[in-house]
N, C-alpha and C. Protein backbone atom coordinates (compact mmCIF):
# COMPACT_ATOMS: atom_id res chain seq x y z
N MET A 1 155.46 82.92 218.55
CA MET A 1 155.20 82.79 217.13
C MET A 1 155.08 81.33 216.76
N ALA A 2 154.22 81.08 215.76
CA ALA A 2 154.05 79.71 215.28
C ALA A 2 155.12 79.39 214.25
N ARG A 3 155.44 78.11 214.17
CA ARG A 3 156.44 77.65 213.22
C ARG A 3 155.71 76.90 212.12
N ILE A 4 156.07 77.16 210.85
CA ILE A 4 155.43 76.48 209.72
C ILE A 4 156.48 75.88 208.81
N GLN A 5 156.06 74.93 208.01
CA GLN A 5 156.92 74.36 206.97
C GLN A 5 156.27 74.74 205.65
N LEU A 6 157.09 75.20 204.71
CA LEU A 6 156.57 75.74 203.47
C LEU A 6 157.31 75.12 202.29
N THR A 7 156.57 74.70 201.29
CA THR A 7 157.18 74.17 200.07
C THR A 7 156.95 75.18 198.95
N VAL A 8 158.05 75.64 198.30
CA VAL A 8 157.96 76.62 197.22
C VAL A 8 158.82 76.15 196.05
N PRO A 9 158.49 76.59 194.86
CA PRO A 9 159.33 76.27 193.71
C PRO A 9 160.74 76.82 193.91
N GLU A 10 161.72 76.14 193.36
CA GLU A 10 163.13 76.50 193.54
C GLU A 10 163.43 77.92 193.07
N ASP A 11 162.88 78.31 191.92
CA ASP A 11 163.18 79.66 191.41
C ASP A 11 162.57 80.74 192.31
N LEU A 12 161.42 80.46 192.92
CA LEU A 12 160.82 81.41 193.85
C LEU A 12 161.66 81.51 195.12
N LEU A 13 162.16 80.38 195.60
CA LEU A 13 163.03 80.38 196.78
C LEU A 13 164.29 81.21 196.51
N GLN A 14 164.84 81.08 195.32
CA GLN A 14 166.02 81.88 194.97
C GLN A 14 165.69 83.38 194.98
N ALA A 15 164.50 83.74 194.46
CA ALA A 15 164.10 85.15 194.45
C ALA A 15 163.88 85.66 195.88
N ILE A 16 163.30 84.81 196.73
CA ILE A 16 163.08 85.18 198.14
C ILE A 16 164.42 85.42 198.82
N ASP A 17 165.36 84.49 198.63
CA ASP A 17 166.67 84.64 199.26
C ASP A 17 167.40 85.88 198.75
N ALA A 18 167.29 86.16 197.46
CA ALA A 18 167.95 87.34 196.90
C ALA A 18 167.36 88.62 197.49
N GLU A 19 166.04 88.67 197.60
CA GLU A 19 165.39 89.86 198.16
C GLU A 19 165.72 90.01 199.64
N ALA A 20 165.75 88.91 200.37
CA ALA A 20 166.11 88.95 201.80
C ALA A 20 167.52 89.49 201.96
N ALA A 21 168.44 89.03 201.12
CA ALA A 21 169.82 89.50 201.20
C ALA A 21 169.89 91.00 200.85
N ARG A 22 169.15 91.40 199.84
CA ARG A 22 169.15 92.81 199.42
C ARG A 22 168.66 93.71 200.55
N ARG A 23 167.67 93.24 201.31
CA ARG A 23 167.10 94.03 202.40
C ARG A 23 167.83 93.83 203.73
N GLY A 24 168.75 92.87 203.76
CA GLY A 24 169.48 92.59 205.00
C GLY A 24 168.64 91.87 206.02
N LEU A 25 167.74 90.99 205.54
CA LEU A 25 166.84 90.24 206.41
C LEU A 25 167.09 88.76 206.26
N THR A 26 166.55 88.00 207.22
CA THR A 26 166.55 86.55 207.06
C THR A 26 165.38 86.19 206.14
N ARG A 27 165.43 84.99 205.61
CA ARG A 27 164.34 84.51 204.77
C ARG A 27 163.02 84.56 205.52
N ASP A 28 163.04 84.09 206.78
CA ASP A 28 161.81 84.08 207.59
C ASP A 28 161.27 85.50 207.80
N SER A 29 162.16 86.43 208.13
CA SER A 29 161.74 87.81 208.38
C SER A 29 161.13 88.42 207.13
N LEU A 30 161.72 88.16 205.97
CA LEU A 30 161.19 88.69 204.73
C LEU A 30 159.80 88.14 204.46
N LEU A 31 159.63 86.82 204.62
CA LEU A 31 158.33 86.21 204.35
C LEU A 31 157.26 86.75 205.30
N VAL A 32 157.61 86.95 206.58
CA VAL A 32 156.66 87.52 207.53
C VAL A 32 156.29 88.94 207.12
N GLU A 33 157.30 89.73 206.72
CA GLU A 33 157.05 91.11 206.30
C GLU A 33 156.16 91.16 205.06
N LEU A 34 156.45 90.32 204.08
CA LEU A 34 155.65 90.31 202.85
C LEU A 34 154.22 89.84 203.12
N ALA A 35 154.06 88.84 203.97
CA ALA A 35 152.72 88.37 204.31
C ALA A 35 151.94 89.47 205.04
N ASP A 36 152.63 90.17 205.94
CA ASP A 36 151.98 91.26 206.68
C ASP A 36 151.55 92.37 205.72
N GLN A 37 152.42 92.75 204.79
CA GLN A 37 152.08 93.79 203.81
C GLN A 37 150.91 93.37 202.92
N GLY A 38 150.91 92.11 202.53
CA GLY A 38 149.90 91.64 201.62
C GLY A 38 148.56 91.32 202.25
N LEU A 39 148.57 90.94 203.53
CA LEU A 39 147.33 90.50 204.15
C LEU A 39 146.79 91.44 205.23
N ARG A 40 147.64 91.82 206.14
CA ARG A 40 147.16 92.56 207.30
C ARG A 40 147.17 94.06 207.08
N ARG A 41 148.24 94.62 206.57
CA ARG A 41 148.36 96.07 206.45
C ARG A 41 147.30 96.71 205.56
N PRO A 42 146.94 96.09 204.42
CA PRO A 42 145.90 96.75 203.61
C PRO A 42 144.61 96.97 204.39
N GLY A 43 144.22 96.01 205.21
CA GLY A 43 143.01 96.18 206.01
C GLY A 43 143.16 97.28 207.04
N VAL A 44 144.31 97.33 207.69
CA VAL A 44 144.58 98.35 208.70
C VAL A 44 144.65 99.72 208.02
N GLU A 45 145.35 99.79 206.88
CA GLU A 45 145.47 101.07 206.15
C GLU A 45 144.10 101.52 205.63
N ARG A 46 143.32 100.59 205.13
CA ARG A 46 141.99 100.92 204.63
C ARG A 46 141.12 101.45 205.76
N ALA A 47 141.18 100.80 206.91
CA ALA A 47 140.40 101.26 208.06
C ALA A 47 140.84 102.66 208.48
N ALA A 48 142.14 102.94 208.44
CA ALA A 48 142.65 104.26 208.79
C ALA A 48 142.16 105.31 207.80
N LYS A 49 142.14 104.97 206.51
CA LYS A 49 141.65 105.91 205.49
C LYS A 49 140.16 106.18 205.66
N VAL A 50 139.38 105.16 205.93
CA VAL A 50 137.95 105.34 206.16
C VAL A 50 137.73 106.22 207.38
N ASP A 51 138.49 105.97 208.44
CA ASP A 51 138.38 106.77 209.65
C ASP A 51 138.72 108.23 209.36
N GLN A 52 139.75 108.46 208.57
CA GLN A 52 140.15 109.83 208.20
C GLN A 52 139.03 110.52 207.42
N ILE A 53 138.42 109.82 206.48
CA ILE A 53 137.33 110.38 205.69
C ILE A 53 136.14 110.71 206.58
N LEU A 54 135.80 109.78 207.48
CA LEU A 54 134.66 110.01 208.36
C LEU A 54 134.89 111.17 209.33
N ARG A 55 136.13 111.34 209.78
CA ARG A 55 136.43 112.46 210.67
C ARG A 55 136.30 113.78 209.94
N ALA A 56 136.65 113.79 208.65
CA ALA A 56 136.59 115.02 207.86
C ALA A 56 135.17 115.34 207.40
N ALA A 57 134.29 114.34 207.39
CA ALA A 57 132.91 114.55 206.92
C ALA A 57 132.13 115.36 207.94
N THR A 58 131.24 116.18 207.41
CA THR A 58 130.37 116.95 208.30
C THR A 58 128.94 116.52 208.06
N ALA A 59 128.10 116.82 208.99
CA ALA A 59 126.69 116.48 208.85
C ALA A 59 126.07 117.31 207.72
N HIS A 60 125.12 116.72 207.03
CA HIS A 60 124.44 117.45 205.97
C HIS A 60 123.53 118.48 206.61
N GLY A 61 123.58 119.65 206.05
CA GLY A 61 122.72 120.71 206.56
C GLY A 61 121.83 121.25 205.46
N GLY A 62 121.12 122.33 205.76
CA GLY A 62 120.23 122.94 204.79
C GLY A 62 120.97 123.46 203.57
N ASP A 63 122.24 123.77 203.71
CA ASP A 63 123.00 124.31 202.58
C ASP A 63 123.16 123.30 201.47
N VAL A 64 123.14 122.02 201.78
CA VAL A 64 123.36 121.00 200.77
C VAL A 64 122.30 121.07 199.68
N ALA A 65 121.06 121.19 200.08
CA ALA A 65 119.98 121.27 199.10
C ALA A 65 120.10 122.52 198.25
N GLU A 66 120.44 123.63 198.86
CA GLU A 66 120.59 124.87 198.11
C GLU A 66 121.76 124.80 197.14
N LEU A 67 122.86 124.21 197.58
CA LEU A 67 124.01 124.07 196.68
C LEU A 67 123.70 123.16 195.52
N THR A 68 122.94 122.10 195.78
CA THR A 68 122.54 121.19 194.71
C THR A 68 121.69 121.92 193.69
N LYS A 69 120.73 122.70 194.16
CA LYS A 69 119.87 123.45 193.26
C LYS A 69 120.68 124.47 192.47
N LEU A 70 121.62 125.10 193.11
CA LEU A 70 122.43 126.12 192.47
C LEU A 70 123.23 125.56 191.30
N HIS A 71 123.70 124.32 191.45
CA HIS A 71 124.53 123.72 190.41
C HIS A 71 123.75 122.87 189.43
N ARG A 72 122.44 122.97 189.43
CA ARG A 72 121.59 122.28 188.47
C ARG A 72 120.85 123.30 187.64
N PRO A 73 121.45 123.76 186.56
CA PRO A 73 120.80 124.82 185.79
C PRO A 73 119.44 124.42 185.25
N THR A 74 119.20 123.13 185.04
CA THR A 74 117.91 122.70 184.50
C THR A 74 116.79 122.89 185.51
N LEU A 75 117.11 123.02 186.78
CA LEU A 75 116.07 123.19 187.79
C LEU A 75 115.84 124.64 188.18
N ARG A 76 116.73 125.54 187.71
CA ARG A 76 116.57 126.94 188.06
C ARG A 76 115.22 127.44 187.61
N GLY A 77 114.51 128.08 188.47
CA GLY A 77 113.23 128.66 188.14
C GLY A 77 112.07 127.68 188.25
N ALA A 78 112.33 126.39 188.38
CA ALA A 78 111.25 125.40 188.45
C ALA A 78 110.39 125.61 189.69
N HIS A 79 110.99 126.08 190.76
CA HIS A 79 110.23 126.28 191.99
C HIS A 79 109.38 127.54 191.95
N GLU A 80 109.62 128.41 190.96
CA GLU A 80 108.89 129.66 190.91
C GLU A 80 107.47 129.48 190.38
N ARG A 81 107.24 128.44 189.60
CA ARG A 81 105.92 128.25 189.04
C ARG A 81 105.56 126.79 189.16
N ALA A 82 104.49 126.50 189.89
CA ALA A 82 104.04 125.12 190.04
C ALA A 82 103.27 124.71 188.79
N VAL A 83 103.54 123.51 188.30
CA VAL A 83 102.83 123.00 187.14
C VAL A 83 101.63 122.21 187.64
N THR A 84 100.47 122.50 187.08
CA THR A 84 99.27 121.79 187.50
C THR A 84 98.76 120.96 186.34
N ILE A 85 97.83 120.08 186.62
CA ILE A 85 97.27 119.21 185.59
C ILE A 85 96.46 120.00 184.57
N ASP A 86 96.00 121.20 184.96
CA ASP A 86 95.22 122.03 184.06
C ASP A 86 96.08 122.81 183.07
N ASP A 87 97.39 122.84 183.30
CA ASP A 87 98.26 123.58 182.38
C ASP A 87 98.27 122.90 181.02
N ALA A 88 98.04 123.68 179.99
CA ALA A 88 98.05 123.15 178.63
C ALA A 88 99.49 123.06 178.15
N PRO A 89 99.80 122.03 177.36
CA PRO A 89 101.16 121.95 176.82
C PRO A 89 101.37 123.11 175.84
N PRO A 90 102.61 123.51 175.65
CA PRO A 90 102.86 124.61 174.73
C PRO A 90 102.46 124.22 173.30
N ARG A 91 101.95 125.19 172.55
CA ARG A 91 101.55 124.94 171.17
C ARG A 91 102.80 124.93 170.30
N PRO A 92 102.85 124.04 169.32
CA PRO A 92 104.01 124.02 168.43
C PRO A 92 104.06 125.28 167.59
N ARG A 93 105.27 125.70 167.27
CA ARG A 93 105.46 126.87 166.41
C ARG A 93 105.94 126.39 165.06
N LEU A 94 105.29 126.85 164.02
CA LEU A 94 105.68 126.46 162.68
C LEU A 94 106.65 127.47 162.11
N PRO A 95 107.59 127.07 161.34
CA PRO A 95 107.88 125.69 160.98
C PRO A 95 108.58 124.97 162.14
N LEU A 96 108.34 123.66 162.23
CA LEU A 96 108.95 122.87 163.30
C LEU A 96 110.45 122.74 163.11
N PHE A 97 110.91 122.78 161.88
CA PHE A 97 112.33 122.78 161.58
C PHE A 97 112.53 123.65 160.36
N HIS A 98 113.77 124.04 160.14
CA HIS A 98 114.09 124.90 159.01
C HIS A 98 114.74 124.05 157.93
N GLY A 99 113.96 123.69 156.95
CA GLY A 99 114.48 122.86 155.87
C GLY A 99 114.38 123.55 154.52
N GLY A 100 114.10 124.82 154.53
CA GLY A 100 114.03 125.55 153.28
C GLY A 100 112.63 125.58 152.69
N ASP A 101 111.70 124.80 153.23
CA ASP A 101 110.34 124.77 152.70
C ASP A 101 109.37 125.00 153.85
N GLU A 102 108.90 126.23 153.97
CA GLU A 102 108.03 126.58 155.09
C GLU A 102 106.62 126.03 154.93
N THR A 103 106.29 125.46 153.78
CA THR A 103 104.94 124.93 153.56
C THR A 103 104.90 123.41 153.79
N LEU A 104 106.02 122.83 154.16
CA LEU A 104 106.09 121.37 154.31
C LEU A 104 105.05 120.85 155.30
N ALA A 105 104.87 121.54 156.43
CA ALA A 105 103.91 121.07 157.44
C ALA A 105 102.50 121.00 156.87
N GLU A 106 102.19 121.93 155.98
CA GLU A 106 100.85 121.92 155.38
C GLU A 106 100.72 120.87 154.29
N ARG A 107 101.86 120.42 153.70
CA ARG A 107 101.83 119.46 152.59
C ARG A 107 102.30 118.08 153.01
N VAL A 108 102.40 117.80 154.29
CA VAL A 108 103.01 116.57 154.77
C VAL A 108 102.36 115.32 154.19
N ASP A 109 101.04 115.29 154.08
CA ASP A 109 100.37 114.10 153.53
C ASP A 109 100.78 113.85 152.09
N ASP A 110 100.85 114.90 151.30
CA ASP A 110 101.26 114.75 149.89
C ASP A 110 102.70 114.27 149.79
N VAL A 111 103.58 114.82 150.61
CA VAL A 111 104.99 114.43 150.58
C VAL A 111 105.16 112.98 150.98
N LEU A 112 104.47 112.54 152.03
CA LEU A 112 104.57 111.15 152.47
C LEU A 112 103.98 110.20 151.43
N GLU A 113 102.97 110.65 150.74
CA GLU A 113 102.35 109.83 149.70
C GLU A 113 103.33 109.56 148.55
N GLN A 114 104.23 110.50 148.30
CA GLN A 114 105.21 110.36 147.22
C GLN A 114 106.28 109.33 147.56
N GLY A 115 106.48 109.07 148.81
CA GLY A 115 107.46 108.04 149.18
C GLY A 115 108.25 108.42 150.40
N PHE A 116 107.99 107.73 151.49
CA PHE A 116 108.69 108.00 152.76
C PHE A 116 110.13 107.53 152.64
N GLY A 117 111.07 108.42 153.02
CA GLY A 117 112.48 108.06 153.02
C GLY A 117 113.18 108.32 151.71
N ARG A 118 112.46 108.72 150.67
CA ARG A 118 113.10 109.06 149.39
C ARG A 118 113.22 110.56 149.28
N SER A 119 114.17 110.99 148.54
CA SER A 119 114.34 112.42 148.31
C SER A 119 113.24 112.89 147.41
N VAL A 120 112.45 113.85 147.89
CA VAL A 120 111.33 114.35 147.10
C VAL A 120 111.38 115.88 147.01
N GLY A 121 112.58 116.41 147.06
CA GLY A 121 112.72 117.84 146.91
C GLY A 121 112.36 118.64 148.13
N LEU A 122 112.54 118.04 149.31
CA LEU A 122 112.19 118.76 150.54
C LEU A 122 113.12 119.92 150.80
N LEU A 123 114.37 119.73 150.45
CA LEU A 123 115.37 120.76 150.77
C LEU A 123 115.83 121.46 149.50
N GLY A 124 115.01 121.48 148.52
CA GLY A 124 115.35 122.19 147.29
C GLY A 124 116.23 121.38 146.36
N ASP A 125 116.35 120.06 146.56
CA ASP A 125 117.19 119.25 145.67
C ASP A 125 116.38 118.59 144.60
């Protein structure tokens, strides 16, 4: 083992000595243990966790795509009908919204002429 000289603040040295005494260790042994926990062990533990995850992982198979499709309700049925460039977009159904005035779509120019953003009796007010 290598020997080092270390300068630390007095209050930190007191805390180190108190912890060493509490654990029944020498000051040097405590500092080596703390340095090992803080520097070396996290890397070793991280590598062990990654290894554990990789051992538990399985290769992706055909089921993965099917499971993905199964849990995506927005894609259900999309494969049943191919969309082509010749497909016409759906026609709007009137009224586009329910605001109490079913003739609004036919009178839109008149309503906008009266003032955009002002209340003009669209909802019966």
